[in-house]
C-alpha atoms as a PDB file:
ATOM      1  CA  MET A   1      23.830 -26.809  -1.411  1.00  0.00           C
ATOM      2  CA  VAL A   2      20.208 -26.735  -2.605  1.00  0.00           C
ATOM      3  CA  LYS A   3      19.760 -25.463  -6.116  1.00  0.00           C
ATOM      4  CA  ARG A   4      17.186 -22.666  -6.374  1.00  0.00           C
ATOM      5  CA  PRO A   5      14.425 -23.249  -8.946  1.00  0.00           C
ATOM      6  CA  GLN A   6      14.560 -21.278 -12.160  1.00  0.00           C
ATOM      7  CA  LEU A   7      12.734 -17.957 -12.121  1.00  0.00           C
ATOM      8  CA  PRO A   8      10.035 -19.020 -14.623  1.00  0.00           C
ATOM      9  CA  GLU A   9       9.141 -21.922 -12.317  1.00  0.00           C
ATOM     10  CA  GLU A  10       9.086 -19.623  -9.292  1.00  0.00           C
ATOM     11  CA  PHE A  11       6.934 -17.198 -11.261  1.00  0.00           C
ATOM     12  CA  ARG A  12       4.374 -19.918 -12.082  1.00  0.00           C
ATOM     13  CA  ALA A  13       4.211 -21.100  -8.473  1.00  0.00           C
ATOM     14  CA  GLU A  14       3.778 -17.543  -7.195  1.00  0.00           C
ATOM     15  CA  ALA A  15       1.164 -16.772  -9.848  1.00  0.00           C
ATOM     16  CA  ARG A  16      -0.835 -19.917  -8.994  1.00  0.00           C
ATOM     17  CA  SER A  17      -0.971 -18.735  -5.395  1.00  0.00           C
ATOM     18  CA  ALA A  18      -1.640 -15.041  -6.059  1.00  0.00           C
ATOM     19  CA  PHE A  19      -4.320 -15.683  -8.697  1.00  0.00           C
ATOM     20  CA  ALA A  20      -6.002 -18.542  -6.784  1.00  0.00           C
ATOM     21  CA  PHE A  21      -8.948 -16.228  -6.093  1.00  0.00           C
ATOM     22  CA  LEU A  22      -9.944 -16.636  -9.755  1.00  0.00           C
ATOM     23  CA  VAL A  23     -10.602 -20.343  -9.234  1.00  0.00           C
ATOM     24  CA  GLU A  24     -11.858 -20.087  -5.659  1.00  0.00           C
ATOM     25  CA  GLY A  25     -14.369 -17.288  -6.138  1.00  0.00           C
ATOM     26  CA  GLU A  26     -14.611 -16.010  -9.699  1.00  0.00           C
ATOM     27  CA  GLY A  27     -15.685 -19.135 -11.590  1.00  0.00           C
ATOM     28  CA  PHE A  28     -12.464 -19.804 -13.495  1.00  0.00           C
ATOM     29  CA  ALA A  29     -11.127 -23.288 -14.202  1.00  0.00           C
ATOM     30  CA  PRO A  30      -7.760 -24.199 -12.651  1.00  0.00           C
ATOM     31  CA  PRO A  31      -4.872 -22.635 -14.553  1.00  0.00           C
ATOM     32  CA  GLU A  32      -3.297 -24.220 -17.586  1.00  0.00           C
ATOM     33  CA  ASP A  33       0.423 -23.894 -18.252  1.00  0.00           C
ATOM     34  CA  ILE A  34       1.210 -21.892 -21.361  1.00  0.00           C
ATOM     35  CA  ASP A  35       4.549 -20.886 -22.795  1.00  0.00           C
ATOM     36  CA  GLY A  36       5.991 -18.577 -20.145  1.00  0.00           C
ATOM     37  CA  GLY A  37       2.981 -18.460 -17.868  1.00  0.00           C
ATOM     38  CA  LEU A  38      -0.564 -19.459 -17.006  1.00  0.00           C
ATOM     39  CA  ARG A  39      -3.992 -19.225 -18.592  1.00  0.00           C
ATOM     40  CA  TYR A  40      -7.250 -19.058 -16.634  1.00  0.00           C
ATOM     41  CA  LEU A  41     -10.555 -19.686 -18.416  1.00  0.00           C
ATOM     42  CA  ARG A  42     -14.218 -19.219 -17.663  1.00  0.00           C
ATOM     43  CA  ALA A  43     -17.123 -19.117 -20.102  1.00  0.00           C
ATOM     44  CA  ASP A  44     -16.833 -15.394 -20.866  1.00  0.00           C
ATOM     45  CA  LEU A  45     -13.216 -14.493 -20.141  1.00  0.00           C
ATOM     46  CA  MET A  46      -9.630 -15.662 -20.487  1.00  0.00           C
ATOM     47  CA  VAL A  47      -6.893 -14.284 -18.250  1.00  0.00           C
ATOM     48  CA  ARG A  48      -3.304 -14.829 -19.338  1.00  0.00           C
ATOM     49  CA  VAL A  49      -0.434 -13.995 -17.032  1.00  0.00           C
ATOM     50  CA  TRP A  50       3.126 -14.622 -18.109  1.00  0.00           C
ATOM     51  CA  PHE A  51       6.745 -13.802 -17.489  1.00  0.00           C
ATOM     52  CA  LEU A  52       9.107 -12.578 -20.189  1.00  0.00           C
ATOM     53  CA  GLY A  53      12.677 -12.944 -18.991  1.00  0.00           C
ATOM     54  CA  GLY A  54      15.679 -11.185 -20.381  1.00  0.00           C
ATOM     55  CA  ALA A  55      17.568  -7.965 -19.857  1.00  0.00           C
ATOM     56  CA  GLU A  56      14.323  -6.161 -19.054  1.00  0.00           C
ATOM     57  CA  SER A  57      12.066  -8.811 -17.522  1.00  0.00           C
ATOM     58  CA  GLU A  58       8.334  -8.237 -17.629  1.00  0.00           C
ATOM     59  CA  VAL A  59       5.234  -9.624 -15.967  1.00  0.00           C
ATOM     60  CA  LEU A  60       2.232  -9.251 -18.268  1.00  0.00           C
ATOM     61  CA  THR A  61      -1.472  -9.869 -17.759  1.00  0.00           C
ATOM     62  CA  ARG A  62      -4.021  -9.767 -20.574  1.00  0.00           C
ATOM     63  CA  LEU A  63      -7.771 -10.202 -20.399  1.00  0.00           C
ATOM     64  CA  ILE A  64      -9.487 -11.619 -23.470  1.00  0.00           C
ATOM     65  CA  PRO A  65     -13.293 -11.734 -23.757  1.00  0.00           C
ATOM     66  CA  LEU A  66     -14.850 -14.961 -25.017  1.00  0.00           C
ATOM     67  CA  ALA A  67     -18.105 -15.129 -26.965  1.00  0.00           C
ATOM     68  CA  PRO A  68     -20.634 -17.884 -26.208  1.00  0.00           C
ATOM     69  CA  ASP A  69     -19.354 -19.784 -29.259  1.00  0.00           C
ATOM     70  CA  GLY A  70     -15.778 -19.592 -27.929  1.00  0.00           C
ATOM     71  CA  THR A  71     -14.602 -16.893 -30.312  1.00  0.00           C
ATOM     72  CA  ARG A  72     -11.911 -14.753 -28.746  1.00  0.00           C
ATOM     73  CA  GLY A  73     -12.239 -10.991 -28.677  1.00  0.00           C
ATOM     74  CA  LYS A  74      -9.355  -8.577 -29.070  1.00  0.00           C
ATOM     75  CA  GLY A  75      -8.505  -8.347 -25.389  1.00  0.00           C
ATOM     76  CA  ALA A  76      -6.613  -5.697 -23.462  1.00  0.00           C
ATOM     77  CA  TRP A  77      -3.720  -5.329 -21.057  1.00  0.00           C
ATOM     78  CA  LEU A  78      -4.564  -5.286 -17.365  1.00  0.00           C
ATOM     79  CA  ASP A  79      -3.006  -1.867 -16.751  1.00  0.00           C
ATOM     80  CA  ASP A  80      -5.089  -0.283 -19.524  1.00  0.00           C
ATOM     81  CA  LEU A  81      -8.331  -1.825 -18.268  1.00  0.00           C
ATOM     82  CA  TYR A  82      -7.485  -0.943 -14.674  1.00  0.00           C
ATOM     83  CA  LYS A  83      -7.076   2.712 -15.586  1.00  0.00           C
ATOM     84  CA  ALA A  84     -10.117   2.803 -17.888  1.00  0.00           C
ATOM     85  CA  ALA A  85     -12.337   1.316 -15.155  1.00  0.00           C
ATOM     86  CA  ALA A  86     -11.181   4.035 -12.714  1.00  0.00           C
ATOM     87  CA  CYS A  87      -9.590   1.514 -10.359  1.00  0.00           C
ATOM     88  CA  GLY A  88      -6.481   3.680 -10.160  1.00  0.00           C
ATOM     89  CA  PRO A  89      -3.516   4.759 -12.269  1.00  0.00           C
ATOM     90  CA  ALA A  90      -1.805   2.368 -14.659  1.00  0.00           C
ATOM     91  CA  GLN A  91       1.290   2.698 -12.445  1.00  0.00           C
ATOM     92  CA  ASP A  92      -0.501   0.442  -9.930  1.00  0.00           C
ATOM     93  CA  VAL A  93       0.107  -2.368 -12.446  1.00  0.00           C
ATOM     94  CA  PRO A  94       3.807  -2.105 -13.365  1.00  0.00           C
ATOM     95  CA  VAL A  95       5.265  -4.635 -15.780  1.00  0.00           C
ATOM     96  CA  PHE A  96       9.047  -4.231 -15.634  1.00  0.00           C
ATOM     97  CA  ALA A  97      11.020  -6.121 -13.001  1.00  0.00           C
ATOM     98  CA  SER A  98      14.803  -6.280 -12.950  1.00  0.00           C
ATOM     99  CA  THR A  99      15.210  -8.714 -10.034  1.00  0.00           C
ATOM    100  CA  ARG A 100      13.710 -11.986  -8.830  1.00  0.00           C
ATOM    101  CA  ARG A 101      12.088 -10.158  -5.937  1.00  0.00           C
ATOM    102  CA  GLY A 102      10.669  -7.589  -8.341  1.00  0.00           C
ATOM    103  CA  VAL A 103       9.158 -10.275 -10.573  1.00  0.00           C
ATOM    104  CA  LEU A 104       7.434 -11.944  -7.644  1.00  0.00           C
ATOM    105  CA  ARG A 105       6.202  -8.580  -6.352  1.00  0.00           C
ATOM    106  CA  ARG A 106       4.761  -7.779  -9.805  1.00  0.00           C
ATOM    107  CA  VAL A 107       2.765 -11.012  -9.693  1.00  0.00           C
ATOM    108  CA  HIS A 108       1.035  -9.853  -6.518  1.00  0.00           C
ATOM    109  CA  GLN A 109       0.482  -6.341  -7.875  1.00  0.00           C
ATOM    110  CA  HIS A 110      -1.192  -7.782 -10.967  1.00  0.00           C
ATOM    111  CA  ALA A 111      -3.336 -10.160  -8.910  1.00  0.00           C
ATOM    112  CA  GLU A 112      -4.494  -7.325  -6.638  1.00  0.00           C
ATOM    113  CA  ALA A 113      -5.270  -5.099  -9.620  1.00  0.00           C
ATOM    114  CA  LEU A 114      -7.287  -7.874 -11.247  1.00  0.00           C
ATOM    115  CA  ARG A 115      -9.153  -8.491  -7.987  1.00  0.00           C
ATOM    116  CA  ARG A 116     -10.170  -4.796  -7.979  1.00  0.00           C
ATOM    117  CA  LEU A 117     -11.044  -4.767 -11.673  1.00  0.00           C
ATOM    118  CA  LEU A 118     -13.218  -7.869 -12.034  1.00  0.00           C
ATOM    119  CA  PRO A 119     -16.294  -6.462 -10.233  1.00  0.00           C
ATOM    120  CA  ARG A 120     -16.207  -3.469 -12.604  1.00  0.00           C
ATOM    121  CA  LEU A 121     -16.212  -5.519 -15.806  1.00  0.00           C
ATOM    122  CA  PRO A 122     -19.512  -5.865 -17.646  1.00  0.00           C
ATOM    123  CA  VAL A 123     -21.408  -9.022 -16.785  1.00  0.00           C
ATOM    124  CA  PRO A 124     -22.045 -11.185 -19.864  1.00  0.00           C
END
């Protein structure tokens, strides 16, 4: 019997695939592993996507602006920015996932929401 990888490892693999557009077309460096997830960096923006396991598992994505000197801004959650930029309702970017399938689906929902949002963000 083949042992299935742990969910955090599956999450990272799925996130690398779903968020590949950041590296391929949006000017971000390849992702770095962080505790529970991945971090994507470009000169003006950091995108952090991570998985919080537990009784009520969550997939979270946060965008953090970066100043030219590298200073980090406050940042905001993807669902809040998505709604504020009139991309759609915050419900398009759900965070809770009670199953493995749900976690992996959330990854793709977050990636699609970010793909829609990025062109609407102010250019530095």
